[in-house]
Amino acid sequence: METAASRPVKTRRVFYLPGYDPIHPRRYRELYRKESKQQAALSGYEIGIKPRQGKRYGWDVGARIEGRTALSSVEVLVWSDIVRTSMNGGIAATYAQLARTAWTYIASGALRRLMWLRKGPVIAALYPVGMLLLQLVLAVVAGRIVGSALTFGLTVGLHPLGIGLGWVGPVIELVVGAAVAVAALRGFRRIDNRLYAYYLMHDYAFAARWNGANPPALEARMDAFGNAIAAALAEDVDEVLVIGHSSGAHLAVSILADLIRDGKVPANGPVLSFLSLGQVIPMMSFLPAADRLRADLRFLSTTDRLTWVDVTAPGDGCSFALCDPVAVSGVAPGTGQRWPLVLSAAFTQTLRDETWNKLRWRFFRLHFQYLCAFDDLPDDPGRYDYFAITAGPQTLAARLAGRKPSASRIDVAASSHTSMAA
């Protein structure tokens, strides 16, 4: 029996929700343009994009895949301005965030529970703590060395004149040492585009500051995103596809749960699909005040109003790979759980050896691999192909019909905080 989800897609609206990223959204268009061209060449289909005019940032995609054409309109749901505002603090504020964030995850028991799931993302979370503390130690040591060397040189130089520094010596050493330490810390921050310590610290601090809840500014932006998706669901298109990458995945969960609860997903409207990629949902859902998110996870896991597919890969050390975000958060219903379908992008199997060897230590690049071309895709109609999903002639449900969850998925409750909003 033919259903709306099984019918060919001729037109599609795509909403891409980035993670914690301060970069201008044109980055995603250029990434899509470059990688789609590469995937088309590898997979033998045609695809092309062009900028879309309008108040919101996006682009249009035309493709001929599997012998059929489809048109997709992609829109980036921008919250990079909120991200940049959260990163405005100076060096001292960042170290204060470090202390507060570490205390939040340790005192709540979340850090210990998260380590039961995957070591990779926890190590990624601890990296900025270790790196910033190392920078502080190096800066203090450098200040001490320079300050001591200067006072020693002055003492030696003034000795033949019978002049001693007295109490001025320690003051000079302290002032000079502090100035050198501050200069060193500023130098480290200037090269953070290579170290990522400040960036990651701000990322985890953003989640921890409200103990897993969303700040008011972000909730307001999520409402606006929901309105944009609701408007698309009222259009004459075949599919509305929402993609949440990294920390954008947990925002998408709450946005979609609100839309369905509020009756804004029409029964006779476009097929609604949700693709979460490289998700880090447990970093939020394991915190004490994440009641809204946990309730939204549970609700979305049972609804029949959408298809939810979660794609991660063990090779991505920044995501909670193959962790069912509903189950590990301790909010899976006893019966009736439909979603998500947990699948692996299996980087070691879908990337050629030379590609994998080039990327395996580039952790942040691997975290974006879900949005890129795979050069060794299996000859399987149900394989993960980002560009076929976003621009091809099948809905997400139809494309992955028959796929079973990854045998390596983790679906054991791990969070000690399982309270949910009413």
Protein backbone atom coordinates (compact mmCIF):
# COMPACT_ATOMS: atom_id res chain seq x y z
CA MET A 1 0.00 0.00 0.00
CA GLU A 2 1.40 3.37 -1.02
CA THR A 3 1.78 5.96 1.73
CA ALA A 4 2.84 9.60 1.69
CA ALA A 5 6.28 8.56 2.94
CA SER A 6 6.74 6.06 0.11
CA ARG A 7 5.71 8.39 -2.73
CA PRO A 8 8.48 10.02 -4.81
CA VAL A 9 9.73 13.41 -3.64
CA LYS A 10 9.66 16.16 -6.23
CA THR A 11 9.96 19.12 -3.87
CA ARG A 12 11.45 19.33 -0.40
CA ARG A 13 12.15 21.91 2.30
CA VAL A 14 15.29 21.28 4.35
CA PHE A 15 16.08 23.03 7.63
CA TYR A 16 19.65 22.65 8.86
CA LEU A 17 20.24 23.42 12.55
CA PRO A 18 23.98 23.80 13.30
CA GLY A 19 25.70 23.07 16.56
CA TYR A 20 27.49 25.58 18.78
CA ASP A 21 29.28 27.42 16.00
CA PRO A 22 30.07 31.16 15.73
CA ILE A 23 30.88 30.97 12.01
CA HIS A 24 28.78 32.68 9.33
CA PRO A 25 26.26 30.27 7.75
CA ARG A 26 27.82 30.69 4.29
CA ARG A 27 30.30 28.09 5.52
CA TYR A 28 27.58 25.45 5.28
CA ARG A 29 26.61 26.45 1.77
CA GLU A 30 30.19 26.23 0.58
CA LEU A 31 30.66 22.90 2.31
CA TYR A 32 27.49 21.59 0.67
CA ARG A 33 28.53 22.89 -2.75
CA LYS A 34 32.01 21.35 -2.58
CA GLU A 35 31.08 18.01 -1.04
CA SER A 36 27.91 17.44 -3.09
CA LYS A 37 29.92 17.86 -6.27
CA GLN A 38 32.41 15.29 -5.03
CA GLN A 39 29.72 12.83 -3.96
CA ALA A 40 27.92 13.19 -7.28
CA ALA A 41 31.12 12.32 -9.13
CA LEU A 42 31.70 9.30 -6.90
CA SER A 43 28.11 8.06 -6.97
CA GLY A 44 27.21 8.86 -10.57
CA TYR A 45 24.40 11.35 -10.12
CA GLU A 46 23.85 15.03 -10.95
CA ILE A 47 23.50 17.83 -8.44
CA GLY A 48 23.84 21.61 -8.46
CA ILE A 49 23.12 24.48 -6.07
CA LYS A 50 22.45 28.18 -6.28
CA PRO A 51 21.99 30.88 -3.60
CA ARG A 52 18.44 31.55 -2.50
CA GLN A 53 17.20 35.09 -2.09
CA GLY A 54 15.31 36.00 1.04
CA LYS A 55 15.57 37.19 4.61
CA ARG A 56 16.81 33.84 5.87
CA TYR A 57 20.04 32.20 4.74
CA GLY A 58 19.86 29.23 2.38
CA TRP A 59 20.29 27.77 -1.07
CA ASP A 60 18.35 25.75 -3.65
CA VAL A 61 19.41 22.32 -4.86
CA GLY A 62 18.48 20.60 -8.09
CA ALA A 63 19.42 16.94 -8.46
CA ARG A 64 18.91 13.91 -10.64
CA ILE A 65 19.49 10.86 -8.50
CA GLU A 66 18.42 7.26 -9.21
CA GLY A 67 16.98 8.41 -12.51
CA ARG A 68 14.55 10.95 -11.01
CA THR A 69 14.74 14.69 -10.45
CA ALA A 70 13.96 16.60 -7.27
CA LEU A 71 14.17 20.20 -6.10
CA SER A 72 15.13 21.03 -2.52
CA SER A 73 15.30 24.36 -0.73
CA VAL A 74 17.79 24.38 2.15
CA GLU A 75 17.62 26.90 4.99
CA VAL A 76 20.13 27.33 7.81
CA LEU A 77 18.49 28.04 11.16
CA VAL A 78 20.98 30.61 12.42
CA TRP A 79 21.83 31.04 16.09
CA SER A 80 25.52 31.89 15.64
CA ASP A 81 24.86 35.39 17.03
CA ILE A 82 23.81 33.82 20.35
CA VAL A 83 26.93 31.68 20.25
CA ARG A 84 29.17 34.69 19.64
CA THR A 85 27.56 36.60 22.50
CA SER A 86 28.22 33.69 24.84
CA MET A 87 31.90 33.77 23.82
CA ASN A 88 32.41 37.46 24.54
CA GLY A 89 33.95 37.01 27.99
CA GLY A 90 37.61 37.76 28.55
CA ILE A 91 40.36 35.46 29.78
CA ALA A 92 39.42 35.76 33.46
CA ALA A 93 35.77 35.06 32.65
CA THR A 94 36.77 31.94 30.74
CA TYR A 95 38.69 30.58 33.71
CA ALA A 96 35.68 31.31 35.90
CA GLN A 97 33.56 29.35 33.41
CA LEU A 98 36.05 26.50 33.65
CA ALA A 99 35.59 26.24 37.41
CA ARG A 100 31.81 26.56 37.22
CA THR A 101 31.42 24.05 34.39
CA ALA A 102 33.70 21.45 35.98
CA TRP A 103 31.81 21.77 39.24
CA THR A 104 28.43 21.40 37.50
CA TYR A 105 29.33 18.17 35.73
CA ILE A 106 31.22 16.65 38.66
CA ALA A 107 28.86 17.63 41.50
CA SER A 108 25.76 16.53 39.55
CA GLY A 109 27.28 13.12 38.85
CA ALA A 110 26.83 13.72 35.10
CA LEU A 111 30.54 13.40 34.26
CA ARG A 112 30.85 9.95 35.83
CA ARG A 113 27.69 8.72 34.12
CA LEU A 114 28.74 10.13 30.75
CA MET A 115 32.01 8.19 30.95
CA TRP A 116 30.00 4.97 31.12
CA LEU A 117 28.78 5.66 27.59
CA ARG A 118 31.67 6.93 25.50
CA LYS A 119 35.13 8.05 26.55
CA GLY A 120 35.68 10.12 23.38
CA PRO A 121 33.26 13.00 23.97
CA VAL A 122 34.15 13.09 27.68
CA ILE A 123 37.82 13.40 26.79
CA ALA A 124 36.83 16.13 24.33
CA ALA A 125 35.02 17.86 27.21
CA LEU A 126 38.04 17.53 29.52
CA TYR A 127 40.48 18.70 26.84
CA PRO A 128 39.75 22.45 27.21
CA VAL A 129 40.02 22.13 31.00
CA GLY A 130 43.43 20.52 30.76
CA MET A 131 44.64 22.81 27.99
CA LEU A 132 43.55 26.01 29.75
CA LEU A 133 45.14 24.90 33.03
CA LEU A 134 48.34 24.04 31.17
CA GLN A 135 48.32 27.48 29.54
CA LEU A 136 47.87 29.08 32.96
CA VAL A 137 50.77 27.12 34.44
CA LEU A 138 53.04 27.94 31.51
CA ALA A 139 52.08 31.62 31.71
CA VAL A 140 52.80 31.79 35.46
CA VAL A 141 56.12 29.96 35.06
CA ALA A 142 57.12 32.28 32.22
CA GLY A 143 56.21 35.29 34.33
CA ARG A 144 58.17 33.97 37.29
CA ILE A 145 61.27 33.29 35.17
CA VAL A 146 61.23 36.70 33.47
CA GLY A 147 60.46 38.56 36.71
CA SER A 148 63.21 36.76 38.64
CA ALA A 149 65.72 37.23 35.82
CA LEU A 150 64.99 40.97 35.65
CA THR A 151 65.32 41.56 39.40
CA PHE A 152 68.49 39.47 39.48
CA GLY A 153 69.99 41.51 36.65
CA LEU A 154 69.10 44.77 38.36
CA THR A 155 70.56 43.56 41.63
CA VAL A 156 73.84 42.59 39.96
CA GLY A 157 73.98 45.81 37.97
CA LEU A 158 73.39 48.06 40.99
CA HIS A 159 75.62 46.17 43.41
CA PRO A 160 78.90 47.92 42.34
CA LEU A 161 77.19 51.23 43.07
CA GLY A 162 76.32 50.08 46.55
CA ILE A 163 72.61 50.28 45.82
CA GLY A 164 70.23 47.52 46.81
CA LEU A 165 66.70 47.00 45.54
CA GLY A 166 65.25 46.35 49.00
CA TRP A 167 61.47 46.03 49.03
CA VAL A 168 61.31 47.32 45.45
CA GLY A 169 62.79 44.05 44.12
CA PRO A 170 59.86 41.78 44.99
CA VAL A 171 57.42 44.41 43.71
CA ILE A 172 59.22 44.62 40.37
CA GLU A 173 59.33 40.83 40.17
CA LEU A 174 55.59 40.57 40.89
CA VAL A 175 54.54 43.32 38.47
CA VAL A 176 56.76 42.13 35.63
CA GLY A 177 55.83 38.49 36.24
CA ALA A 178 52.11 39.31 36.15
CA ALA A 179 52.51 41.34 32.96
CA VAL A 180 54.40 38.52 31.25
CA ALA A 181 51.81 35.95 32.40
CA VAL A 182 48.94 38.05 31.05
CA ALA A 183 50.76 38.56 27.76
CA ALA A 184 51.35 34.82 27.49
CA LEU A 185 47.67 34.06 28.14
CA ARG A 186 46.64 36.59 25.50
CA GLY A 187 49.05 34.94 23.09
CA PHE A 188 47.50 31.55 23.71
CA ARG A 189 44.06 32.98 23.07
CA ARG A 190 45.18 34.50 19.76
CA ILE A 191 46.13 31.05 18.48
CA ASP A 192 42.97 29.35 19.76
CA ASN A 193 41.91 28.77 16.15
CA ARG A 194 44.52 26.00 16.30
CA LEU A 195 44.08 24.90 19.92
CA TYR A 196 40.25 25.16 20.31
CA ALA A 197 40.57 25.39 24.10
CA TYR A 198 38.54 28.60 24.53
CA TYR A 199 36.00 27.56 21.90
CA LEU A 200 35.28 24.20 23.53
CA MET A 201 35.24 25.71 27.00
CA HIS A 202 32.57 28.18 25.92
CA ASP A 203 30.62 25.33 24.30
CA TYR A 204 30.43 23.17 27.43
CA ALA A 205 29.95 26.20 29.67
CA PHE A 206 26.92 27.21 27.60
CA ALA A 207 25.24 23.89 28.44
CA ALA A 208 26.33 23.87 32.07
CA ARG A 209 25.45 27.45 32.96
CA TRP A 210 21.72 26.65 33.12
CA ASN A 211 22.23 23.02 34.25
CA GLY A 212 20.77 21.61 31.04
CA ALA A 213 17.99 24.16 30.50
CA ASN A 214 17.92 26.58 27.57
CA PRO A 215 18.53 30.31 28.18
CA PRO A 216 15.60 32.64 27.35
CA ALA A 217 17.28 34.06 24.24
CA LEU A 218 17.73 30.58 22.81
CA GLU A 219 14.16 29.54 23.67
CA ALA A 220 12.90 32.62 21.80
CA ARG A 221 15.03 31.70 18.77
CA MET A 222 13.75 28.12 18.92
CA ASP A 223 10.19 29.46 18.78
CA ALA A 224 11.10 31.39 15.63
CA PHE A 225 12.65 28.24 14.12
CA GLY A 226 9.48 26.33 14.94
CA ASN A 227 7.37 28.95 13.19
CA ALA A 228 9.53 28.68 10.05
CA ILE A 229 9.18 24.89 10.01
CA ALA A 230 5.42 25.15 10.65
CA ALA A 231 5.10 27.50 7.67
CA ALA A 232 6.91 25.00 5.46
CA LEU A 233 4.56 22.24 6.64
CA ALA A 234 1.69 24.32 5.26
CA GLU A 235 3.32 24.53 1.81
CA ASP A 236 2.73 22.31 -1.19
CA VAL A 237 5.91 20.26 -0.86
CA ASP A 238 6.43 16.52 -0.48
CA GLU A 239 8.83 16.45 2.47
CA VAL A 240 10.02 18.75 5.24
CA LEU A 241 13.37 17.50 6.48
CA VAL A 242 14.90 18.87 9.70
CA ILE A 243 18.59 18.18 10.31
CA GLY A 244 20.20 18.76 13.70
CA HIS A 245 23.97 18.48 13.83
CA SER A 246 25.97 18.15 17.06
CA SER A 247 24.36 20.30 19.78
CA GLY A 248 21.81 21.40 17.18
CA ALA A 249 20.27 17.93 17.56
CA HIS A 250 18.87 18.53 21.03
CA LEU A 251 17.46 21.90 19.93
CA ALA A 252 15.70 20.16 17.03
CA VAL A 253 14.24 17.56 19.40
CA SER A 254 12.53 20.26 21.48
CA ILE A 255 11.42 22.30 18.46
CA LEU A 256 9.80 19.31 16.79
CA ALA A 257 8.20 18.08 20.01
CA ASP A 258 6.61 21.53 20.48
CA LEU A 259 5.31 21.57 16.89
CA ILE A 260 3.64 18.19 17.22
CA ARG A 261 2.16 18.94 20.65
CA ASP A 262 0.78 22.23 19.38
CA GLY A 263 -0.96 20.54 16.45
CA LYS A 264 1.19 22.29 13.84
CA VAL A 265 2.04 19.12 11.90
CA PRO A 266 -0.98 18.58 9.61
CA ALA A 267 -2.02 15.00 9.01
CA ASN A 268 -2.44 15.61 5.26
CA GLY A 269 0.62 17.85 4.87
CA PRO A 270 4.18 17.11 3.79
CA VAL A 271 6.02 14.14 5.27
CA LEU A 272 8.02 15.31 8.31
CA SER A 273 11.49 13.81 8.73
CA PHE A 274 14.18 14.38 11.35
CA LEU A 275 17.84 13.49 10.87
CA SER A 276 20.15 13.94 13.87
CA LEU A 277 23.87 13.81 13.09
CA GLY A 278 26.85 13.51 15.43
CA GLN A 279 24.57 14.22 18.40
CA VAL A 280 25.86 15.13 21.86
CA ILE A 281 22.43 15.03 23.53
CA PRO A 282 23.63 13.31 26.75
CA MET A 283 25.87 16.30 27.53
CA MET A 284 22.61 18.19 28.10
CA SER A 285 20.09 15.53 29.05
CA PHE A 286 22.23 14.17 31.91
CA LEU A 287 22.22 17.54 33.72
CA PRO A 288 19.76 18.16 36.59
CA ALA A 289 17.65 20.92 35.00
CA ALA A 290 17.21 19.28 31.57
CA ASP A 291 13.58 18.42 32.40
CA ARG A 292 12.26 19.96 29.17
CA LEU A 293 14.71 18.10 26.97
CA ARG A 294 14.09 14.76 28.67
CA ALA A 295 10.32 15.17 28.29
CA ASP A 296 10.76 16.11 24.63
CA LEU A 297 12.97 13.07 24.01
CA ARG A 298 10.39 10.74 25.49
CA PHE A 299 7.54 12.37 23.56
CA LEU A 300 9.34 12.33 20.23
CA SER A 301 10.35 8.68 20.67
CA THR A 302 6.72 7.54 20.51
CA THR A 303 5.10 9.85 17.97
CA ASP A 304 3.87 8.64 14.60
CA ARG A 305 3.98 12.14 13.10
CA LEU A 306 7.59 11.93 11.90
CA THR A 307 10.50 9.67 11.09
CA TRP A 308 13.59 10.15 13.27
CA VAL A 309 16.93 8.70 12.19
CA ASP A 310 20.04 9.23 14.32
CA VAL A 311 23.39 8.82 12.54
CA THR A 312 26.72 8.79 14.37
CA ALA A 313 30.03 6.96 13.98
CA PRO A 314 32.46 5.46 16.51
CA GLY A 315 35.23 7.22 14.61
CA ASP A 316 33.76 10.58 15.63
CA GLY A 317 35.27 11.18 19.07
CA CYS A 318 33.15 14.30 19.59
CA SER A 319 29.76 12.55 19.48
CA PHE A 320 28.02 9.96 21.63
CA ALA A 321 28.29 7.40 18.88
CA LEU A 322 25.51 4.82 18.60
CA CYS A 323 23.98 5.91 21.91
CA ASP A 324 20.19 5.94 21.75
CA PRO A 325 19.65 9.42 23.25
CA VAL A 326 16.21 8.50 24.62
CA ALA A 327 17.28 5.28 26.28
CA VAL A 328 20.59 6.44 27.77
CA SER A 329 18.85 9.52 29.19
CA GLY A 330 16.64 7.16 31.19
CA VAL A 331 13.35 8.32 29.66
CA ALA A 332 12.53 5.53 27.22
CA PRO A 333 8.91 4.39 27.55
CA GLY A 334 8.40 0.84 28.71
CA THR A 335 6.67 0.02 25.43
CA GLY A 336 5.87 1.85 22.23
CA GLN A 337 9.25 3.44 21.47
CA ARG A 338 9.49 4.05 17.72
CA TRP A 339 12.46 6.38 17.47
CA PRO A 340 15.20 7.08 16.85
CA LEU A 341 16.49 4.57 14.36
CA VAL A 342 20.15 4.50 15.43
CA LEU A 343 22.53 3.97 12.50
CA SER A 344 26.29 4.08 12.07
CA ALA A 345 28.05 6.07 9.38
CA ALA A 346 30.95 3.61 9.93
CA PHE A 347 33.78 5.87 8.82
CA THR A 348 36.30 3.02 8.68
CA GLN A 349 34.07 1.22 6.18
CA THR A 350 32.70 4.14 4.16
CA LEU A 351 35.97 6.03 3.71
CA ARG A 352 38.89 4.70 1.75
CA ASP A 353 41.98 3.81 3.76
CA GLU A 354 43.91 6.84 2.49
CA THR A 355 41.03 9.18 3.37
CA TRP A 356 40.56 7.68 6.83
CA ASN A 357 44.28 7.85 7.57
CA LYS A 358 44.29 11.52 6.56
CA LEU A 359 41.29 12.41 8.72
CA ARG A 360 41.45 10.10 11.74
CA TRP A 361 43.36 12.56 13.95
CA ARG A 362 41.49 15.63 12.72
CA PHE A 363 38.76 15.31 15.31
CA PHE A 364 36.78 18.44 14.45
CA ARG A 365 36.84 17.65 10.74
CA LEU A 366 35.55 14.16 11.46
CA HIS A 367 32.71 15.67 13.48
CA PHE A 368 31.53 17.30 10.22
CA GLN A 369 32.04 14.20 8.06
CA TYR A 370 28.29 13.48 8.17
CA LEU A 371 27.82 16.57 5.97
CA CYS A 372 30.52 15.49 3.52
CA ALA A 373 31.15 13.02 0.71
CA PHE A 374 31.88 9.38 1.47
CA ASP A 375 34.25 7.87 -1.06
CA ASP A 376 33.63 4.18 -0.35
CA LEU A 377 29.88 3.85 0.04
CA PRO A 378 28.56 0.28 -0.08
CA ASP A 379 26.33 -0.75 -2.97
CA ASP A 380 23.27 -0.64 -0.74
CA PRO A 381 20.11 1.37 -1.45
CA GLY A 382 19.71 1.99 2.30
CA ARG A 383 23.20 3.42 2.84
CA TYR A 384 23.77 6.79 4.46
CA ASP A 385 24.31 9.41 1.76
CA TYR A 386 23.77 12.96 3.02
CA PHE A 387 23.20 14.42 -0.43
CA ALA A 388 20.82 11.70 -1.60
CA ILE A 389 18.85 12.23 1.63
CA THR A 390 18.70 16.02 1.30
CA ALA A 391 18.30 16.26 -2.49
CA GLY A 392 17.16 12.86 -3.78
CA PRO A 393 13.72 11.61 -4.89
CA GLN A 394 12.87 9.61 -1.74
CA THR A 395 11.78 10.60 1.75
CA LEU A 396 14.06 9.75 4.65
CA ALA A 397 11.71 6.94 5.66
CA ALA A 398 11.61 5.44 2.17
CA ARG A 399 15.36 5.70 1.65
CA LEU A 400 16.16 3.87 4.87
CA ALA A 401 13.16 1.52 4.84
CA GLY A 402 14.09 -1.89 6.13
CA ARG A 403 17.26 -0.74 7.88
CA LYS A 404 17.69 -2.28 11.31
CA PRO A 405 19.27 -0.37 14.20
CA SER A 406 23.01 -0.77 14.60
CA ALA A 407 23.82 -3.94 16.50
CA SER A 408 26.38 -1.93 18.48
CA ARG A 409 23.94 0.70 19.72
CA ILE A 410 23.90 1.53 23.42
CA ASP A 411 20.37 1.59 24.83
CA VAL A 412 20.90 1.18 28.58
CA ALA A 413 19.73 3.95 30.93
CA ALA A 414 22.77 5.78 32.30
CA SER A 415 21.62 9.16 33.61
CA SER A 416 20.95 9.67 37.32
CA HIS A 417 18.65 12.61 36.51
CA THR A 418 15.43 11.48 34.82
CA SER A 419 12.86 14.07 35.91
CA MET A 420 10.71 15.49 33.10
CA ALA A 421 8.70 18.64 32.58
CA ALA A 422 4.95 18.18 32.88
